[in-house]
């Protein structure tokens, strides 16, 4: 599930594997054209724990593949 911040170019992604949320930059979104995610949209998420907090999050997205909006 996604909570995007379009004006800042990133989103917080929620999954059981990333408690507290996963920070995702829109450059990690894998799609053609304008990269946009909708609130609550389901995605396939690949993530990492980089060892530092990115904007307050322990996890960062490596790849975000949008599902149906």
C-alpha atoms as a PDB file:
ATOM      1  CA  UNK A   1       0.000   0.000   0.000  1.00  0.00           C
ATOM      2  CA  UNK A   2       1.246   3.468  -0.883  1.00  0.00           C
ATOM      3  CA  UNK A   3       1.067   6.930   0.684  1.00  0.00           C
ATOM      4  CA  UNK A   4       2.679   9.190  -1.952  1.00  0.00           C
ATOM      5  CA  UNK A   5       4.075  12.697  -1.545  1.00  0.00           C
ATOM      6  CA  UNK A   6       4.031  13.802  -5.191  1.00  0.00           C
ATOM      7  CA  UNK A   7       5.352  17.279  -4.502  1.00  0.00           C
ATOM      8  CA  UNK A   8       8.456  15.840  -2.800  1.00  0.00           C
ATOM      9  CA  UNK A   9       8.993  12.945  -5.232  1.00  0.00           C
ATOM     10  CA  UNK A  10       8.774  10.089  -2.755  1.00  0.00           C
ATOM     11  CA  UNK A  11       6.282   7.787  -1.066  1.00  0.00           C
ATOM     12  CA  UNK A  12       5.963   5.676   2.062  1.00  0.00           C
ATOM     13  CA  UNK A  13       5.172   2.053   1.315  1.00  0.00           C
ATOM     14  CA  UNK A  14       3.667  -0.248   3.935  1.00  0.00           C
ATOM     15  CA  UNK A  15       4.327  -3.971   4.036  1.00  0.00           C
ATOM     16  CA  UNK A  16       4.596  -6.638   6.743  1.00  0.00           C
ATOM     17  CA  UNK A  17       8.310  -7.011   5.900  1.00  0.00           C
ATOM     18  CA  UNK A  18       9.060  -3.287   6.479  1.00  0.00           C
ATOM     19  CA  UNK A  19       7.579  -2.340   9.865  1.00  0.00           C
ATOM     20  CA  UNK A  20       7.289   1.413  10.248  1.00  0.00           C
ATOM     21  CA  UNK A  21       7.207   1.952   6.483  1.00  0.00           C
ATOM     22  CA  UNK A  22       9.580   1.875   3.543  1.00  0.00           C
ATOM     23  CA  UNK A  23      10.821   5.100   1.952  1.00  0.00           C
ATOM     24  CA  UNK A  24      10.577   5.027  -1.831  1.00  0.00           C
ATOM     25  CA  UNK A  25      11.852   7.590  -4.324  1.00  0.00           C
ATOM     26  CA  UNK A  26       9.902   7.896  -7.553  1.00  0.00           C
ATOM     27  CA  UNK A  27      13.051   6.944  -9.511  1.00  0.00           C
ATOM     28  CA  UNK A  28      12.520   3.394  -8.133  1.00  0.00           C
ATOM     29  CA  UNK A  29       9.054   3.176  -9.752  1.00  0.00           C
ATOM     30  CA  UNK A  30       9.240   0.809 -12.728  1.00  0.00           C
ATOM     31  CA  UNK A  31       6.754   2.019 -15.339  1.00  0.00           C
ATOM     32  CA  UNK A  32       6.662   3.872 -18.655  1.00  0.00           C
ATOM     33  CA  UNK A  33       5.757   7.548 -18.827  1.00  0.00           C
ATOM     34  CA  UNK A  34       5.100   9.780 -15.837  1.00  0.00           C
ATOM     35  CA  UNK A  35       5.823   7.922 -12.611  1.00  0.00           C
ATOM     36  CA  UNK A  36       2.865   8.317 -10.292  1.00  0.00           C
ATOM     37  CA  UNK A  37       1.396   6.236  -7.494  1.00  0.00           C
ATOM     38  CA  UNK A  38      -2.055   6.557  -5.942  1.00  0.00           C
ATOM     39  CA  UNK A  39      -2.820   6.402  -2.207  1.00  0.00           C
ATOM     40  CA  UNK A  40      -3.630   2.817  -1.249  1.00  0.00           C
ATOM     41  CA  UNK A  41      -2.355   1.403  -4.554  1.00  0.00           C
ATOM     42  CA  UNK A  42      -0.881  -2.099  -4.329  1.00  0.00           C
ATOM     43  CA  UNK A  43       2.700  -2.546  -5.545  1.00  0.00           C
ATOM     44  CA  UNK A  44       5.367  -5.224  -5.821  1.00  0.00           C
ATOM     45  CA  UNK A  45       8.203  -3.991  -3.634  1.00  0.00           C
ATOM     46  CA  UNK A  46      11.891  -4.839  -3.465  1.00  0.00           C
ATOM     47  CA  UNK A  47      13.585  -3.128  -0.529  1.00  0.00           C
ATOM     48  CA  UNK A  48      16.812  -2.878   1.417  1.00  0.00           C
ATOM     49  CA  UNK A  49      17.829  -1.915   4.940  1.00  0.00           C
ATOM     50  CA  UNK A  50      20.680   0.492   4.114  1.00  0.00           C
ATOM     51  CA  UNK A  51      21.939   0.814   7.699  1.00  0.00           C
ATOM     52  CA  UNK A  52      20.847   4.422   8.082  1.00  0.00           C
ATOM     53  CA  UNK A  53      17.470   6.128   8.325  1.00  0.00           C
ATOM     54  CA  UNK A  54      16.252   7.721   5.084  1.00  0.00           C
ATOM     55  CA  UNK A  55      13.936  10.587   6.063  1.00  0.00           C
ATOM     56  CA  UNK A  56      13.111   8.696   9.260  1.00  0.00           C
ATOM     57  CA  UNK A  57      12.601   5.230   7.719  1.00  0.00           C
ATOM     58  CA  UNK A  58      14.736   2.119   8.288  1.00  0.00           C
ATOM     59  CA  UNK A  59      13.917   0.666   4.859  1.00  0.00           C
ATOM     60  CA  UNK A  60      14.371   2.018   1.322  1.00  0.00           C
ATOM     61  CA  UNK A  61      12.758   0.805  -1.892  1.00  0.00           C
ATOM     62  CA  UNK A  62      15.025  -0.591  -4.600  1.00  0.00           C
ATOM     63  CA  UNK A  63      12.227  -1.378  -7.075  1.00  0.00           C
ATOM     64  CA  UNK A  64       8.527  -0.462  -7.048  1.00  0.00           C
ATOM     65  CA  UNK A  65       6.274  -2.101  -9.643  1.00  0.00           C
ATOM     66  CA  UNK A  66       2.759  -0.624  -9.567  1.00  0.00           C
ATOM     67  CA  UNK A  67      -0.294  -2.850  -9.559  1.00  0.00           C
ATOM     68  CA  UNK A  68      -3.735  -1.667 -10.691  1.00  0.00           C
ATOM     69  CA  UNK A  69      -4.660   1.777  -9.334  1.00  0.00           C
END
